[in-house]
């Protein structure tokens, strides 16, 4: 069994699309989002986002292909990736081993005092998930 576990944050969480065919033991996603296009449409409803955005980062469409267990740490006060976009991605994860919102955390979730403990819980959930 492979022991590789990967931690991806925000925009880099889109990198899981390259990991889909590779055997990994688990993914930890920090403040991930459903798609860049969806976030842009919410922020700029008057813009033709689908016409101007070259890279929509459709995580919500790609995530169902991920077979490794996934742990998600969401930030409750994230203004860069609003919680609704984090939750939308969590809903389509096929093997969701851990999903926790650090209520008082901003997008810089790694700087929150509770982050190390929650990351430990996420990694433990991946370790025990079969």
Protein backbone atom coordinates (compact mmCIF):
# COMPACT_ATOMS: atom_id res chain seq x y z
CA UNK A 1 0.00 0.00 0.00
CA UNK A 2 1.29 3.43 -0.88
CA UNK A 3 1.82 5.75 2.05
CA UNK A 4 1.83 9.02 0.16
CA UNK A 5 -0.51 11.61 1.60
CA UNK A 6 -0.75 15.00 -0.04
CA UNK A 7 -1.83 18.31 1.46
CA UNK A 8 -3.17 20.90 -0.99
CA UNK A 9 -4.37 24.38 -0.21
CA UNK A 10 -6.91 26.59 -2.02
CA UNK A 11 -5.85 27.08 -5.64
CA UNK A 12 -3.38 24.22 -5.44
CA UNK A 13 -6.30 21.98 -4.46
CA UNK A 14 -7.03 21.88 -8.18
CA UNK A 15 -3.81 19.88 -8.57
CA UNK A 16 -5.68 16.77 -7.44
CA UNK A 17 -6.74 16.39 -11.08
CA UNK A 18 -3.19 15.29 -11.92
CA UNK A 19 -3.22 12.89 -8.99
CA UNK A 20 -6.36 11.03 -10.01
CA UNK A 21 -4.56 8.22 -11.87
CA UNK A 22 -1.74 8.03 -9.32
CA UNK A 23 -1.99 5.86 -6.22
CA UNK A 24 -2.04 8.01 -3.11
CA UNK A 25 -3.14 7.06 0.38
CA UNK A 26 -5.09 10.24 0.94
CA UNK A 27 -5.56 13.92 0.23
CA UNK A 28 -5.94 16.76 2.70
CA UNK A 29 -7.56 19.79 1.09
CA UNK A 30 -7.32 23.13 2.87
CA UNK A 31 -9.99 25.69 1.99
CA UNK A 32 -10.74 24.02 -1.37
CA UNK A 33 -13.31 25.37 -3.81
CA UNK A 34 -15.86 23.92 -6.19
CA UNK A 35 -14.72 25.89 -9.24
CA UNK A 36 -13.02 29.15 -9.99
CA UNK A 37 -15.79 29.92 -12.47
CA UNK A 38 -18.47 29.54 -9.78
CA UNK A 39 -16.61 31.85 -7.42
CA UNK A 40 -16.08 34.44 -10.18
CA UNK A 41 -19.77 34.32 -11.13
CA UNK A 42 -20.73 35.01 -7.54
CA UNK A 43 -18.31 37.92 -7.21
CA UNK A 44 -18.96 39.38 -10.66
CA UNK A 45 -22.48 38.38 -11.73
CA UNK A 46 -22.52 40.98 -14.51
CA UNK A 47 -19.47 39.55 -16.28
CA UNK A 48 -19.65 36.78 -18.91
CA UNK A 49 -17.33 34.61 -16.82
CA UNK A 50 -17.69 31.53 -19.03
CA UNK A 51 -16.50 33.53 -22.04
CA UNK A 52 -13.50 35.22 -20.44
CA UNK A 53 -12.17 32.69 -17.94
CA UNK A 54 -9.67 30.43 -19.68
CA UNK A 55 -9.03 28.13 -16.75
CA UNK A 56 -12.21 27.49 -14.74
CA UNK A 57 -10.60 24.93 -12.39
CA UNK A 58 -13.71 22.68 -12.30
CA UNK A 59 -12.85 20.80 -9.10
CA UNK A 60 -16.48 19.85 -8.54
CA UNK A 61 -16.49 17.98 -11.87
CA UNK A 62 -13.14 16.28 -11.31
CA UNK A 63 -13.48 15.28 -7.67
CA UNK A 64 -15.80 12.29 -8.31
CA UNK A 65 -12.85 10.62 -10.09
CA UNK A 66 -10.70 10.68 -6.95
CA UNK A 67 -10.62 7.26 -5.33
CA UNK A 68 -8.35 8.08 -2.39
CA UNK A 69 -9.89 9.15 0.91
CA UNK A 70 -10.10 12.91 1.27
CA UNK A 71 -9.93 15.07 4.38
CA UNK A 72 -11.12 18.66 4.13
CA UNK A 73 -10.36 21.54 6.47
CA UNK A 74 -12.62 24.49 5.77
CA UNK A 75 -12.25 28.04 7.02
CA UNK A 76 -15.45 29.51 8.40
CA UNK A 77 -14.45 33.15 7.85
CA UNK A 78 -12.75 32.77 4.49
CA UNK A 79 -13.41 35.75 2.22
CA UNK A 80 -11.18 34.42 -0.58
CA UNK A 81 -12.97 31.06 -0.85
CA UNK A 82 -16.40 31.56 0.72
CA UNK A 83 -17.59 28.61 2.82
CA UNK A 84 -20.40 27.81 0.37
CA UNK A 85 -17.81 26.98 -2.31
CA UNK A 86 -15.85 24.83 0.12
CA UNK A 87 -19.02 22.96 1.12
CA UNK A 88 -20.06 22.45 -2.52
CA UNK A 89 -16.83 20.57 -3.17
CA UNK A 90 -17.14 18.52 0.03
CA UNK A 91 -20.57 17.29 -1.10
CA UNK A 92 -19.11 15.56 -4.18
CA UNK A 93 -16.12 13.85 -2.57
CA UNK A 94 -16.61 10.10 -3.10
CA UNK A 95 -14.60 9.00 -0.05
CA UNK A 96 -14.85 11.78 2.52
CA UNK A 97 -12.85 10.62 5.53
CA UNK A 98 -12.89 13.93 7.44
CA UNK A 99 -14.61 17.27 6.98
CA UNK A 100 -14.19 20.02 9.54
CA UNK A 101 -14.76 23.75 9.53
CA UNK A 102 -12.50 25.85 11.72
CA UNK A 103 -15.21 28.42 12.44
CA UNK A 104 -13.01 31.39 13.29
CA UNK A 105 -10.33 30.75 10.64
CA UNK A 106 -9.71 33.00 7.66
CA UNK A 107 -8.29 31.87 4.33
CA UNK A 108 -4.91 31.70 6.09
CA UNK A 109 -6.16 28.63 7.93
CA UNK A 110 -2.63 27.39 8.58
CA UNK A 111 -2.07 30.41 10.85
CA UNK A 112 -5.07 29.62 13.07
CA UNK A 113 -4.06 28.31 16.51
CA UNK A 114 -6.32 25.25 16.13
CA UNK A 115 -4.87 24.28 12.73
CA UNK A 116 -2.16 21.86 13.93
CA UNK A 117 -4.67 19.92 16.03
CA UNK A 118 -7.24 19.77 13.23
CA UNK A 119 -4.59 18.73 10.70
CA UNK A 120 -3.65 15.94 13.10
CA UNK A 121 -7.29 14.82 13.18
CA UNK A 122 -7.46 14.93 9.38
CA UNK A 123 -4.31 12.86 8.98
CA UNK A 124 -5.50 10.37 11.60
CA UNK A 125 -8.81 10.01 9.75
CA UNK A 126 -6.93 9.23 6.54
CA UNK A 127 -4.74 6.74 8.40
CA UNK A 128 -7.67 4.82 9.82
CA UNK A 129 -9.95 5.05 6.78
CA UNK A 130 -10.06 1.88 4.74
